[in-house]
Each structure stands twice: as C-alpha cells, then as structure tokens.
PDB file of N, CA and C in Angstrom:
ATOM      1  N   MET A   1      10.778  92.767  67.072  1.00  0.00           N
ATOM      2  CA  MET A   1      10.726  91.940  66.177  1.00  0.00           C
ATOM      3  C   MET A   1       9.049  93.157  65.613  1.00  0.00           C
ATOM      4  N   THR A   2       9.416  93.358  63.859  1.00  0.00           N
ATOM      5  CA  THR A   2       8.979  93.869  62.891  1.00  0.00           C
ATOM      6  C   THR A   2       7.276  92.899  62.279  1.00  0.00           C
ATOM      7  N   ARG A   3       6.564  93.993  62.526  1.00  0.00           N
ATOM      8  CA  ARG A   3       5.200  93.082  61.773  1.00  0.00           C
ATOM      9  C   ARG A   3       5.627  92.310  60.842  1.00  0.00           C
ATOM     10  N   ARG A   4       6.845  93.048  59.682  1.00  0.00           N
ATOM     11  CA  ARG A   4       6.421  92.114  58.575  1.00  0.00           C
ATOM     12  C   ARG A   4       7.347  90.912  58.647  1.00  0.00           C
ATOM     13  N   THR A   5       8.495  90.795  59.674  1.00  0.00           N
ATOM     14  CA  THR A   5       9.181  89.962  60.369  1.00  0.00           C
ATOM     15  C   THR A   5       7.997  88.647  60.795  1.00  0.00           C
ATOM     16  N   ALA A   6       7.092  89.214  62.003  1.00  0.00           N
ATOM     17  CA  ALA A   6       5.801  88.059  62.056  1.00  0.00           C
ATOM     18  C   ALA A   6       5.276  87.604  60.990  1.00  0.00           C
ATOM     19  N   LEU A   7       4.898  87.928  60.111  1.00  0.00           N
ATOM     20  CA  LEU A   7       4.210  87.832  59.179  1.00  0.00           C
ATOM     21  C   LEU A   7       4.803  86.679  58.412  1.00  0.00           C
ATOM     22  N   THR A   8       6.308  86.908  57.530  1.00  0.00           N
ATOM     23  CA  THR A   8       6.790  86.013  57.089  1.00  0.00           C
ATOM     24  C   THR A   8       7.210  84.906  58.039  1.00  0.00           C
ATOM     25  N   GLY A   9       7.323  84.980  59.558  1.00  0.00           N
ATOM     26  CA  GLY A   9       7.423  84.109  60.096  1.00  0.00           C
ATOM     27  C   GLY A   9       6.001  82.759  60.019  1.00  0.00           C
ATOM     28  N   VAL A  10       4.739  83.431  60.500  1.00  0.00           N
ATOM     29  CA  VAL A  10       3.758  82.594  60.403  1.00  0.00           C
ATOM     30  C   VAL A  10       3.653  82.187  58.645  1.00  0.00           C
ATOM     31  N   ALA A  11       3.772  82.947  58.141  1.00  0.00           N
ATOM     32  CA  ALA A  11       3.855  82.474  56.423  1.00  0.00           C
ATOM     33  C   ALA A  11       4.919  80.927  56.033  1.00  0.00           C
ATOM     34  N   LEU A  12       6.076  81.146  56.938  1.00  0.00           N
ATOM     35  CA  LEU A  12       6.896  80.329  56.633  1.00  0.00           C
ATOM     36  C   LEU A  12       6.156  78.726  57.508  1.00  0.00           C
ATOM     37  N   LEU A  13       6.047  78.997  58.747  1.00  0.00           N
ATOM     38  CA  LEU A  13       5.362  78.229  59.576  1.00  0.00           C
ATOM     39  C   LEU A  13       4.040  77.281  58.938  1.00  0.00           C
ATOM     40  N   LEU A  14       3.172  77.883  58.307  1.00  0.00           N
ATOM     41  CA  LEU A  14       2.046  77.517  57.440  1.00  0.00           C
ATOM     42  C   LEU A  14       2.361  76.444  56.252  1.00  0.00           C
ATOM     43  N   LEU A  15       3.458  77.132  55.533  1.00  0.00           N
ATOM     44  CA  LEU A  15       3.954  76.294  53.943  1.00  0.00           C
ATOM     45  C   LEU A  15       4.442  75.135  55.000  1.00  0.00           C
ATOM     46  N   VAL A  16       5.480  75.243  56.111  1.00  0.00           N
ATOM     47  CA  VAL A  16       5.863  73.836  56.606  1.00  0.00           C
ATOM     48  C   VAL A  16       4.699  73.177  56.643  1.00  0.00           C
ATOM     49  N   ALA A  17       3.583  73.614  57.684  1.00  0.00           N
ATOM     50  CA  ALA A  17       2.770  72.601  58.075  1.00  0.00           C
ATOM     51  C   ALA A  17       1.810  72.436  56.700  1.00  0.00           C
ATOM     52  N   ALA A  18       1.739  72.690  55.601  1.00  0.00           N
ATOM     53  CA  ALA A  18       1.008  72.259  54.790  1.00  0.00           C
ATOM     54  C   ALA A  18       2.013  71.228  53.995  1.00  0.00           C
ATOM     55  N   LEU A  19       3.320  71.188  53.788  1.00  0.00           N
ATOM     56  CA  LEU A  19       3.721  70.212  52.958  1.00  0.00           C
ATOM     57  C   LEU A  19       3.941  68.896  53.810  1.00  0.00           C
ATOM     58  N   ALA A  20       3.970  69.072  55.228  1.00  0.00           N
ATOM     59  CA  ALA A  20       4.016  67.902  55.693  1.00  0.00           C
ATOM     60  C   ALA A  20       2.883  67.131  56.189  1.00  0.00           C
ATOM     61  N   ALA A  21       1.268  68.003  55.792  1.00  0.00           N
ATOM     62  CA  ALA A  21       0.535  67.145  55.695  1.00  0.00           C
ATOM     63  C   ALA A  21      -0.052  66.492  54.570  1.00  0.00           C
ATOM     64  N   CYS A  22       1.183  67.312  53.662  1.00  0.00           N
ATOM     65  CA  CYS A  22       0.737  66.374  51.862  1.00  0.00           C
ATOM     66  C   CYS A  22       1.771  65.176  51.611  1.00  0.00           C
ATOM     67  N   GLY A  23       2.374  64.921  53.600  1.00  0.00           N
ATOM     68  CA  GLY A  23       3.657  63.879  52.766  1.00  0.00           C
ATOM     69  C   GLY A  23       4.685  64.272  52.074  1.00  0.00           C
ATOM     70  N   GLY A  24       5.249  64.872  51.684  1.00  0.00           N
ATOM     71  CA  GLY A  24       6.182  65.553  50.998  1.00  0.00           C
ATOM     72  C   GLY A  24       6.774  64.825  50.172  1.00  0.00           C
ATOM     73  N   ALA A  25       7.569  64.633  49.579  1.00  0.00           N
ATOM     74  CA  ALA A  25       8.295  63.894  48.693  1.00  0.00           C
ATOM     75  C   ALA A  25       8.568  62.904  48.860  1.00  0.00           C
ATOM     76  N   GLY A  26       8.641  61.688  48.203  1.00  0.00           N
ATOM     77  CA  GLY A  26       9.068  60.112  48.424  1.00  0.00           C
ATOM     78  C   GLY A  26       7.434  59.764  48.607  1.00  0.00           C
ATOM     79  N   ALA A  27       7.434  58.656  49.322  1.00  0.00           N
ATOM     80  CA  ALA A  27       6.505  57.677  49.640  1.00  0.00           C
ATOM     81  C   ALA A  27       5.201  57.890  49.944  1.00  0.00           C
ATOM     82  N   ALA A  28       4.312  57.492  49.466  1.00  0.00           N
ATOM     83  CA  ALA A  28       2.491  57.819  49.720  1.00  0.00           C
ATOM     84  C   ALA A  28       2.522  57.685  51.362  1.00  0.00           C
ATOM     85  N   GLN A  29       2.054  58.428  51.635  1.00  0.00           N
ATOM     86  CA  GLN A  29       1.511  58.165  52.923  1.00  0.00           C
ATOM     87  C   GLN A  29       0.249  57.547  52.943  1.00  0.00           C
ATOM     88  N   SER A  30      -0.306  56.252  53.672  1.00  0.00           N
ATOM     89  CA  SER A  30      -1.523  55.776  54.053  1.00  0.00           C
ATOM     90  C   SER A  30      -1.712  55.499  55.362  1.00  0.00           C
ATOM     91  N   SER A  31      -2.891  55.493  56.012  1.00  0.00           N
ATOM     92  CA  SER A  31      -3.083  54.567  57.379  1.00  0.00           C
ATOM     93  C   SER A  31      -3.102  53.114  57.181  1.00  0.00           C
ATOM     94  N   ILE A  32      -3.304  52.722  56.200  1.00  0.00           N
ATOM     95  CA  ILE A  32      -3.347  50.998  56.041  1.00  0.00           C
ATOM     96  C   ILE A  32      -1.826  50.623  55.998  1.00  0.00           C
ATOM     97  N   ASP A  33      -1.704  49.614  57.056  1.00  0.00           N
ATOM     98  CA  ASP A  33      -0.341  48.453  56.782  1.00  0.00           C
ATOM     99  C   ASP A  33       0.048  47.847  55.592  1.00  0.00           C
ATOM    100  N   PRO A  34       0.560  48.081  55.065  1.00  0.00           N
ATOM    101  CA  PRO A  34       1.280  47.696  53.390  1.00  0.00           C
ATOM    102  C   PRO A  34       1.224  46.125  53.680  1.00  0.00           C
ATOM    103  N   ALA A  35       1.339  45.658  54.608  1.00  0.00           N
ATOM    104  CA  ALA A  35       1.369  43.830  54.732  1.00  0.00           C
ATOM    105  C   ALA A  35       0.038  43.200  55.344  1.00  0.00           C
ATOM    106  N   THR A  36      -0.678  44.454  55.299  1.00  0.00           N
ATOM    107  CA  THR A  36      -2.646  43.264  55.188  1.00  0.00           C
ATOM    108  C   THR A  36      -2.969  43.625  54.075  1.00  0.00           C
ATOM    109  N   ALA A  37      -2.371  44.902  52.895  1.00  0.00           N
ATOM    110  CA  ALA A  37      -2.846  45.161  51.826  1.00  0.00           C
ATOM    111  C   ALA A  37      -3.588  43.831  50.900  1.00  0.00           C
ATOM    112  N   ASP A  38      -4.623  44.081  50.248  1.00  0.00           N
ATOM    113  CA  ASP A  38      -5.011  42.873  49.460  1.00  0.00           C
ATOM    114  C   ASP A  38      -4.171  42.275  48.791  1.00  0.00           C
ATOM    115  N   VAL A  39      -3.223  43.288  47.947  1.00  0.00           N
ATOM    116  CA  VAL A  39      -2.505  42.994  46.694  1.00  0.00           C
ATOM    117  C   VAL A  39      -1.541  43.693  46.734  1.00  0.00           C
ATOM    118  N   GLN A  40      -0.448  42.595  47.233  1.00  0.00           N
ATOM    119  CA  GLN A  40       1.026  43.194  46.990  1.00  0.00           C
ATOM    120  C   GLN A  40       1.470  43.340  45.859  1.00  0.00           C
ATOM    121  N   MET A  41       2.311  44.367  45.205  1.00  0.00           N
ATOM    122  CA  MET A  41       2.428  44.666  44.055  1.00  0.00           C
ATOM    123  C   MET A  41       4.100  45.142  43.951  1.00  0.00           C
ATOM    124  N   SER A  42       5.004  45.347  43.295  1.00  0.00           N
ATOM    125  CA  SER A  42       6.083  45.920  43.079  1.00  0.00           C
ATOM    126  C   SER A  42       6.938  46.273  41.305  1.00  0.00           C
ATOM    127  N   ALA A  43       7.716  47.430  41.616  1.00  0.00           N
ATOM    128  CA  ALA A  43       8.186  47.174  40.165  1.00  0.00           C
ATOM    129  C   ALA A  43       9.445  47.633  40.407  1.00  0.00           C
ATOM    130  N   SER A  44      10.613  46.876  39.347  1.00  0.00           N
ATOM    131  CA  SER A  44      11.842  46.755  39.540  1.00  0.00           C
ATOM    132  C   SER A  44      12.282  46.605  38.328  1.00  0.00           C
ATOM    133  N   ASP A  45      13.669  47.464  37.795  1.00  0.00           N
ATOM    134  CA  ASP A  45      14.313  47.334  36.457  1.00  0.00           C
ATOM    135  C   ASP A  45      12.554  47.170  35.766  1.00  0.00           C
ATOM    136  N   MET A  46      12.150  48.320  35.668  1.00  0.00           N
ATOM    137  CA  MET A  46      11.460  48.855  34.661  1.00  0.00           C
ATOM    138  C   MET A  46      10.256  48.206  34.349  1.00  0.00           C
ATOM    139  N   ALA A  47       9.515  47.432  35.515  1.00  0.00           N
ATOM    140  CA  ALA A  47       9.035  45.765  34.987  1.00  0.00           C
ATOM    141  C   ALA A  47       7.783  45.712  36.549  1.00  0.00           C
ATOM    142  N   PHE A  48       6.649  45.517  36.333  1.00  0.00           N
ATOM    143  CA  PHE A  48       5.912  44.907  37.411  1.00  0.00           C
ATOM    144  C   PHE A  48       6.350  43.763  37.838  1.00  0.00           C
ATOM    145  N   ASP A  49       6.345  43.281  39.214  1.00  0.00           N
ATOM    146  CA  ASP A  49       6.699  41.823  39.590  1.00  0.00           C
ATOM    147  C   ASP A  49       5.783  41.009  38.892  1.00  0.00           C
ATOM    148  N   GLN A  50       4.718  41.340  39.000  1.00  0.00           N
ATOM    149  CA  GLN A  50       3.417  40.284  38.219  1.00  0.00           C
ATOM    150  C   GLN A  50       2.805  40.462  37.556  1.00  0.00           C
ATOM    151  N   ALA A  51       2.371  39.768  36.190  1.00  0.00           N
ATOM    152  CA  ALA A  51       1.541  40.415  35.336  1.00  0.00           C
ATOM    153  C   ALA A  51       0.257  40.057  35.089  1.00  0.00           C
ATOM    154  N   THR A  52      -0.084  39.175  36.068  1.00  0.00           N
ATOM    155  CA  THR A  52      -1.814  39.120  36.533  1.00  0.00           C
ATOM    156  C   THR A  52      -1.518  39.226  38.069  1.00  0.00           C
ATOM    157  N   VAL A  53      -2.886  39.966  38.572  1.00  0.00           N
ATOM    158  CA  VAL A  53      -3.823  40.404  39.242  1.00  0.00           C
ATOM    159  C   VAL A  53      -5.088  39.418  39.745  1.00  0.00           C
ATOM    160  N   VAL A  54      -5.264  38.600  40.593  1.00  0.00           N
ATOM    161  CA  VAL A  54      -7.128  38.629  40.062  1.00  0.00           C
ATOM    162  C   VAL A  54      -7.661  39.541  42.087  1.00  0.00           C
ATOM    163  N   VAL A  55      -8.703  40.094  41.550  1.00  0.00           N
ATOM    164  CA  VAL A  55      -9.447  40.539  42.969  1.00  0.00           C
ATOM    165  C   VAL A  55     -11.308  40.904  42.775  1.00  0.00           C
ATOM    166  N   PRO A  56     -11.297  40.330  43.883  1.00  0.00           N
ATOM    167  CA  PRO A  56     -13.261  40.002  44.276  1.00  0.00           C
ATOM    168  C   PRO A  56     -13.849  41.123  43.449  1.00  0.00           C
ATOM    169  N   ALA A  57     -14.786  40.540  42.395  1.00  0.00           N
ATOM    170  CA  ALA A  57     -15.892  41.728  41.732  1.00  0.00           C
ATOM    171  C   ALA A  57     -16.825  42.316  42.383  1.00  0.00           C
ATOM    172  N   GLY A  58     -16.727  43.596  42.508  1.00  0.00           N
ATOM    173  CA  GLY A  58     -17.719  44.022  43.359  1.00  0.00           C
ATOM    174  C   GLY A  58     -17.170  44.471  44.618  1.00  0.00           C
ATOM    175  N   GLU A  59     -16.164  44.124  44.818  1.00  0.00           N
ATOM    176  CA  GLU A  59     -15.337  45.250  46.007  1.00  0.00           C
ATOM    177  C   GLU A  59     -14.376  45.858  46.183  1.00  0.00           C
ATOM    178  N   ALA A  60     -14.622  46.417  46.762  1.00  0.00           N
ATOM    179  CA  ALA A  60     -13.216  47.444  47.159  1.00  0.00           C
ATOM    180  C   ALA A  60     -11.755  47.118  47.202  1.00  0.00           C
ATOM    181  N   PHE A  61     -10.488  47.105  46.993  1.00  0.00           N
ATOM    182  CA  PHE A  61      -9.657  46.428  47.246  1.00  0.00           C
ATOM    183  C   PHE A  61      -8.658  47.117  47.577  1.00  0.00           C
ATOM    184  N   THR A  62      -7.249  46.706  48.276  1.00  0.00           N
ATOM    185  CA  THR A  62      -6.092  47.433  48.743  1.00  0.00           C
ATOM    186  C   THR A  62      -4.796  46.799  47.400  1.00  0.00           C
ATOM    187  N   ILE A  63      -4.353  47.878  47.178  1.00  0.00           N
ATOM    188  CA  ILE A  63      -3.012  47.191  46.601  1.00  0.00           C
ATOM    189  C   ILE A  63      -1.741  48.765  47.427  1.00  0.00           C
ATOM    190  N   ALA A  64      -0.910  46.927  47.861  1.00  0.00           N
ATOM    191  CA  ALA A  64       0.686  47.874  48.346  1.00  0.00           C
ATOM    192  C   ALA A  64       1.474  47.958  47.138  1.00  0.00           C
ATOM    193  N   PHE A  65       1.800  48.939  46.835  1.00  0.00           N
ATOM    194  CA  PHE A  65       2.686  49.464  45.658  1.00  0.00           C
ATOM    195  C   PHE A  65       3.954  49.766  46.156  1.00  0.00           C
ATOM    196  N   THR A  66       5.072  48.770  45.990  1.00  0.00           N
ATOM    197  CA  THR A  66       6.708  49.290  46.590  1.00  0.00           C
ATOM    198  C   THR A  66       7.225  49.617  45.292  1.00  0.00           C
ATOM    199  N   ASN A  67       7.822  50.423  44.932  1.00  0.00           N
ATOM    200  CA  ASN A  67       8.324  50.704  43.853  1.00  0.00           C
ATOM    201  C   ASN A  67      10.184  50.465  44.139  1.00  0.00           C
ATOM    202  N   HIS A  68      10.929  49.804  43.723  1.00  0.00           N
ATOM    203  CA  HIS A  68      12.003  49.501  43.599  1.00  0.00           C
ATOM    204  C   HIS A  68      13.616  50.076  42.922  1.00  0.00           C
ATOM    205  N   ASP A  69      12.231  50.769  41.754  1.00  0.00           N
ATOM    206  CA  ASP A  69      13.448  51.205  40.990  1.00  0.00           C
ATOM    207  C   ASP A  69      13.986  53.204  41.322  1.00  0.00           C
ATOM    208  N   SER A  70      14.602  53.386  40.329  1.00  0.00           N
ATOM    209  CA  SER A  70      15.634  54.819  40.878  1.00  0.00           C
ATOM    210  C   SER A  70      14.423  56.078  40.217  1.00  0.00           C
ATOM    211  N   MET A  71      13.468  55.375  39.507  1.00  0.00           N
ATOM    212  CA  MET A  71      12.741  56.474  38.628  1.00  0.00           C
ATOM    213  C   MET A  71      11.143  56.609  38.835  1.00  0.00           C
ATOM    214  N   PRO A  72      10.026  57.451  39.191  1.00  0.00           N
ATOM    215  CA  PRO A  72       8.957  57.094  39.545  1.00  0.00           C
ATOM    216  C   PRO A  72       7.670  56.675  38.869  1.00  0.00           C
ATOM    217  N   HIS A  73       6.701  55.560  39.751  1.00  0.00           N
ATOM    218  CA  HIS A  73       6.295  54.812  38.822  1.00  0.00           C
ATOM    219  C   HIS A  73       4.741  54.787  39.776  1.00  0.00           C
ATOM    220  N   ASN A  74       3.835  54.141  38.902  1.00  0.00           N
ATOM    221  CA  ASN A  74       2.706  54.230  39.637  1.00  0.00           C
ATOM    222  C   ASN A  74       1.731  53.343  38.905  1.00  0.00           C
ATOM    223  N   VAL A  75       0.364  52.899  39.368  1.00  0.00           N
ATOM    224  CA  VAL A  75      -0.552  52.111  39.065  1.00  0.00           C
ATOM    225  C   VAL A  75      -1.683  52.751  38.632  1.00  0.00           C
ATOM    226  N   ALA A  76      -1.826  51.948  37.455  1.00  0.00           N
ATOM    227  CA  ALA A  76      -3.137  52.935  37.153  1.00  0.00           C
ATOM    228  C   ALA A  76      -4.053  51.743  36.456  1.00  0.00           C
ATOM    229  N   ILE A  77      -5.760  51.612  36.376  1.00  0.00           N
ATOM    230  CA  ILE A  77      -5.980  50.460  36.387  1.00  0.00           C
ATOM    231  C   ILE A  77      -7.131  50.824  35.003  1.00  0.00           C
ATOM    232  N   LYS A  78      -7.043  50.077  33.640  1.00  0.00           N
ATOM    233  CA  LYS A  78      -7.955  50.470  32.932  1.00  0.00           C
ATOM    234  C   LYS A  78      -8.998  49.596  32.213  1.00  0.00           C
ATOM    235  N   ASP A  79      -9.760  50.110  31.909  1.00  0.00           N
ATOM    236  CA  ASP A  79     -11.061  48.975  31.431  1.00  0.00           C
ATOM    237  C   ASP A  79     -10.389  48.626  30.095  1.00  0.00           C
ATOM    238  N   ALA A  80     -11.512  47.836  29.411  1.00  0.00           N
ATOM    239  CA  ALA A  80     -11.490  47.506  28.227  1.00  0.00           C
ATOM    240  C   ALA A  80     -11.594  48.454  26.999  1.00  0.00           C
ATOM    241  N   ASN A  81     -11.701  49.450  27.325  1.00  0.00           N
ATOM    242  CA  ASN A  81     -12.128  51.021  26.234  1.00  0.00           C
ATOM    243  C   ASN A  81     -10.869  51.586  26.528  1.00  0.00           C
ATOM    244  N   GLY A  82     -10.170  51.481  27.346  1.00  0.00           N
ATOM    245  CA  GLY A  82      -9.128  52.409  28.367  1.00  0.00           C
ATOM    246  C   GLY A  82      -9.064  53.192  29.026  1.00  0.00           C
ATOM    247  N   THR A  83     -10.053  53.306  29.503  1.00  0.00           N
ATOM    248  CA  THR A  83     -10.771  54.260  30.442  1.00  0.00           C
ATOM    249  C   THR A  83     -10.430  53.912  31.880  1.00  0.00           C
ATOM    250  N   LYS A  84      -9.895  54.998  32.154  1.00  0.00           N
ATOM    251  CA  LYS A  84      -9.302  54.638  33.718  1.00  0.00           C
ATOM    252  C   LYS A  84     -10.599  54.630  35.157  1.00  0.00           C
ATOM    253  N   ALA A  85     -10.401  53.453  35.416  1.00  0.00           N
ATOM    254  CA  ALA A  85     -11.001  53.053  36.156  1.00  0.00           C
ATOM    255  C   ALA A  85     -10.341  53.220  37.938  1.00  0.00           C
ATOM    256  N   PHE A  86      -9.310  53.621  37.734  1.00  0.00           N
ATOM    257  CA  PHE A  86      -8.372  54.003  39.057  1.00  0.00           C
ATOM    258  C   PHE A  86      -7.292  54.381  38.641  1.00  0.00           C
ATOM    259  N   THR A  87      -6.414  55.516  39.087  1.00  0.00           N
ATOM    260  CA  THR A  87      -5.065  56.136  38.903  1.00  0.00           C
ATOM    261  C   THR A  87      -4.279  55.913  40.639  1.00  0.00           C
ATOM    262  N   GLY A  88      -3.358  55.164  40.735  1.00  0.00           N
ATOM    263  CA  GLY A  88      -2.703  55.659  42.070  1.00  0.00           C
ATOM    264  C   GLY A  88      -1.755  56.564  41.421  1.00  0.00           C
ATOM    265  N   GLU A  89      -1.064  57.519  43.283  1.00  0.00           N
ATOM    266  CA  GLU A  89      -0.551  58.558  43.346  1.00  0.00           C
ATOM    267  C   GLU A  89       1.348  57.848  42.798  1.00  0.00           C
ATOM    268  N   VAL A  90       1.780  59.015  42.120  1.00  0.00           N
ATOM    269  CA  VAL A  90       3.599  58.461  41.765  1.00  0.00           C
ATOM    270  C   VAL A  90       4.064  58.333  42.903  1.00  0.00           C
ATOM    271  N   VAL A  91       4.975  57.549  42.750  1.00  0.00           N
ATOM    272  CA  VAL A  91       5.794  56.889  43.932  1.00  0.00           C
ATOM    273  C   VAL A  91       7.200  56.910  43.694  1.00  0.00           C
ATOM    274  N   SER A  92       8.335  57.735  43.814  1.00  0.00           N
ATOM    275  CA  SER A  92       9.547  57.587  43.676  1.00  0.00           C
ATOM    276  C   SER A  92      10.222  56.811  44.380  1.00  0.00           C
ATOM    277  N   ASN A  93       9.895  56.526  45.232  1.00  0.00           N
ATOM    278  CA  ASN A  93      10.658  55.298  45.712  1.00  0.00           C
ATOM    279  C   ASN A  93       9.803  55.127  47.196  1.00  0.00           C
ATOM    280  N   GLY A  94       9.948  53.938  47.550  1.00  0.00           N
ATOM    281  CA  GLY A  94       9.367  53.463  49.249  1.00  0.00           C
ATOM    282  C   GLY A  94       8.012  52.998  48.878  1.00  0.00           C
ATOM    283  N   VAL A  95       6.636  52.746  49.330  1.00  0.00           N
ATOM    284  CA  VAL A  95       5.484  52.197  49.001  1.00  0.00           C
ATOM    285  C   VAL A  95       4.527  53.093  49.187  1.00  0.00           C
ATOM    286  N   ALA A  96       3.386  52.804  48.486  1.00  0.00           N
ATOM    287  CA  ALA A  96       1.953  53.837  48.434  1.00  0.00           C
ATOM    288  C   ALA A  96       1.331  52.495  48.936  1.00  0.00           C
ATOM    289  N   VAL A  97      -0.002  52.391  49.274  1.00  0.00           N
ATOM    290  CA  VAL A  97      -0.791  52.010  49.701  1.00  0.00           C
ATOM    291  C   VAL A  97      -2.398  52.351  49.100  1.00  0.00           C
ATOM    292  N   TYR A  98      -2.610  51.834  47.952  1.00  0.00           N
ATOM    293  CA  TYR A  98      -4.680  52.382  47.503  1.00  0.00           C
ATOM    294  C   TYR A  98      -5.375  51.761  47.561  1.00  0.00           C
ATOM    295  N   SER A  99      -6.639  52.405  47.721  1.00  0.00           N
ATOM    296  CA  SER A  99      -7.187  52.180  47.930  1.00  0.00           C
ATOM    297  C   SER A  99      -8.300  52.663  46.606  1.00  0.00           C
ATOM    298  N   VAL A 100      -8.774  51.339  46.243  1.00  0.00           N
ATOM    299  CA  VAL A 100      -9.339  51.348  44.647  1.00  0.00           C
ATOM    300  C   VAL A 100     -10.590  50.926  45.390  1.00  0.00           C
ATOM    301  N   GLY A 101     -11.764  51.180  44.083  1.00  0.00           N
ATOM    302  CA  GLY A 101     -12.809  50.824  44.507  1.00  0.00           C
ATOM    303  C   GLY A 101     -13.224  49.686  43.696  1.00  0.00           C
ATOM    304  N   SER A 102     -14.618  49.481  44.125  1.00  0.00           N
ATOM    305  CA  SER A 102     -15.089  47.556  43.086  1.00  0.00           C
ATOM    306  C   SER A 102     -14.928  48.483  41.641  1.00  0.00           C
ATOM    307  N   LEU A 103     -14.429  46.978  41.518  1.00  0.00           N
ATOM    308  CA  LEU A 103     -14.013  46.759  39.978  1.00  0.00           C
ATOM    309  C   LEU A 103     -15.318  46.018  39.814  1.00  0.00           C
ATOM    310  N   ALA A 104     -16.253  45.852  38.264  1.00  0.00           N
ATOM    311  CA  ALA A 104     -17.214  44.956  37.871  1.00  0.00           C
ATOM    312  C   ALA A 104     -16.721  43.815  37.547  1.00  0.00           C
ATOM    313  N   ALA A 105     -17.037  42.460  37.057  1.00  0.00           N
ATOM    314  CA  ALA A 105     -16.906  41.793  36.975  1.00  0.00           C
ATOM    315  C   ALA A 105     -16.283  41.415  35.478  1.00  0.00           C
ATOM    316  N   GLY A 106     -14.654  41.672  34.874  1.00  0.00           N
ATOM    317  CA  GLY A 106     -14.117  41.711  33.989  1.00  0.00           C
ATOM    318  C   GLY A 106     -12.480  41.653  33.899  1.00  0.00           C
ATOM    319  N   THR A 107     -12.121  41.779  32.718  1.00  0.00           N
ATOM    320  CA  THR A 107     -10.551  41.992  32.562  1.00  0.00           C
ATOM    321  C   THR A 107     -10.289  43.780  32.386  1.00  0.00           C
ATOM    322  N   TYR A 108      -9.024  43.962  32.993  1.00  0.00           N
ATOM    323  CA  TYR A 108      -8.604  45.223  33.138  1.00  0.00           C
ATOM    324  C   TYR A 108      -7.482  45.142  32.637  1.00  0.00           C
ATOM    325  N   THR A 109      -6.515  46.323  32.338  1.00  0.00           N
ATOM    326  CA  THR A 109      -5.377  46.330  32.256  1.00  0.00           C
ATOM    327  C   THR A 109      -4.662  47.080  33.224  1.00  0.00           C
ATOM    328  N   PHE A 110      -3.245  47.048  34.201  1.00  0.00           N
ATOM    329  CA  PHE A 110      -2.883  48.286  35.081  1.00  0.00           C
ATOM    330  C   PHE A 110      -1.873  48.224  34.478  1.00  0.00           C
ATOM    331  N   VAL A 111      -1.119  49.648  34.386  1.00  0.00           N
ATOM    332  CA  VAL A 111       0.120  50.223  33.771  1.00  0.00           C
ATOM    333  C   VAL A 111       0.660  51.182  34.646  1.00  0.00           C
ATOM    334  N   CYS A 112       1.465  51.405  34.215  1.00  0.00           N
ATOM    335  CA  CYS A 112       2.367  53.100  35.176  1.00  0.00           C
ATOM    336  C   CYS A 112       2.362  53.785  34.277  1.00  0.00           C
ATOM    337  N   ASP A 113       1.652  54.947  34.358  1.00  0.00           N
ATOM    338  CA  ASP A 113       1.445  56.164  33.787  1.00  0.00           C
ATOM    339  C   ASP A 113       2.589  56.472  32.821  1.00  0.00           C
ATOM    340  N   ILE A 114       3.722  56.896  33.628  1.00  0.00           N
ATOM    341  CA  ILE A 114       4.866  57.411  33.356  1.00  0.00           C
ATOM    342  C   ILE A 114       5.497  56.241  32.071  1.00  0.00           C
ATOM    343  N   HIS A 115       5.432  55.341  32.522  1.00  0.00           N
ATOM    344  CA  HIS A 115       6.035  53.961  31.402  1.00  0.00           C
ATOM    345  C   HIS A 115       5.020  53.125  30.856  1.00  0.00           C
ATOM    346  N   PRO A 116       4.049  53.811  30.066  1.00  0.00           N
ATOM    347  CA  PRO A 116       3.088  53.065  29.639  1.00  0.00           C
ATOM    348  C   PRO A 116       3.451  51.241  28.897  1.00  0.00           C
ATOM    349  N   GLY A 117       4.683  50.819  28.913  1.00  0.00           N
ATOM    350  CA  GLY A 117       5.235  49.531  28.598  1.00  0.00           C
ATOM    351  C   GLY A 117       5.500  48.951  29.735  1.00  0.00           C
ATOM    352  N   MET A 118       5.152  49.343  30.817  1.00  0.00           N
ATOM    353  CA  MET A 118       4.663  48.431  31.972  1.00  0.00           C
ATOM    354  C   MET A 118       3.261  48.030  32.332  1.00  0.00           C
ATOM    355  N   THR A 119       2.863  46.741  32.258  1.00  0.00           N
ATOM    356  CA  THR A 119       1.708  46.592  31.863  1.00  0.00           C
ATOM    357  C   THR A 119       1.171  44.915  32.427  1.00  0.00           C
ATOM    358  N   GLY A 120       0.007  44.811  33.272  1.00  0.00           N
ATOM    359  CA  GLY A 120      -0.560  43.638  33.476  1.00  0.00           C
ATOM    360  C   GLY A 120      -1.710  43.818  33.507  1.00  0.00           C
ATOM    361  N   THR A 121      -2.482  42.341  33.567  1.00  0.00           N
ATOM    362  CA  THR A 121      -3.938  42.368  33.931  1.00  0.00           C
ATOM    363  C   THR A 121      -4.467  42.180  35.130  1.00  0.00           C
ATOM    364  N   VAL A 122      -5.268  42.986  35.297  1.00  0.00           N
ATOM    365  CA  VAL A 122      -6.594  42.654  36.741  1.00  0.00           C
ATOM    366  C   VAL A 122      -7.606  41.846  36.681  1.00  0.00           C
ATOM    367  N   THR A 123      -8.119  40.856  36.836  1.00  0.00           N
ATOM    368  CA  THR A 123      -9.482  40.138  36.832  1.00  0.00           C
ATOM    369  C   THR A 123     -10.013  40.192  37.426  1.00  0.00           C
ATOM    370  N   ALA A 124     -11.636  40.623  37.588  1.00  0.00           N
ATOM    371  CA  ALA A 124     -12.260  40.869  38.582  1.00  0.00           C
ATOM    372  C   ALA A 124     -13.584  39.968  38.304  1.00  0.00           C
ATOM    373  N   ARG A 125     -13.589  38.744  39.632  1.00  0.00           N
ATOM    374  CA  ARG A 125     -14.450  37.815  39.376  1.00  0.00           C
ATOM    375  C   ARG A 125     -14.943  37.747  40.873  1.00  0.00           C
TER     376      ARG A 125
END
C-alpha cells in the first residue's frame, strides 16, 4: 500500500466517524427517551397536532417532536417581540427530543422555521 492510499483511507475513516457522531440525516439523536419528555408534539399534514402547550415557568423542559410529514419541520419558540427563545433542529422524519431552557412566565409562539404558517402558543406559568 502506498502512503497516498493509506492517507486516503485514514481520511475516509475520519469522515465516516464524523458523520456518525453528527447522527447523519434524518431524525435527531438524543439520550432522552421521547416517551419521558415533558411535552409531546407532532407535525402532520403541514400542521402541529396541538395549538397550545403549557410549561412550568422558570424551569427547563423537554419536547419530543415527531415529524410525520415527508417534508422537514422544526419547533422554534419566540417571545412577544418575535425574538427566538429556542430553536430546535430540523427533523426530516422521525423524532427529535429538544431540551429547552427555562422560559419566564408569559405567552410565547411556537413555529416551524421552514413553514411559518405552522404556529401555536406556549404558555409558561
């Protein structure tokens, strides 16, 4: 084996390892069991399955987000000024478990960044 072939093999191995660490395409990877998430939410037919979500104010929480559509979606949370308080990674299919930091008491909007017509309300109390 030549030195060039060996270096190419090592580079390919490093690329495969890096892609595996990133989780590759498709569903987001998480060590949190989706069934134990604080909020269960899904997207189907270009809509979220619920219009309102209630979370405890001042406490971090998790969202298990399942995308049933063939197109990608995510969940982003915005405050009353439209400033993003949280942005979840895009899910092409499958389930992502988002870890969301604490929200101050109040009303927020959740939206799909890719399809801004998909919205709902988060109330932290």
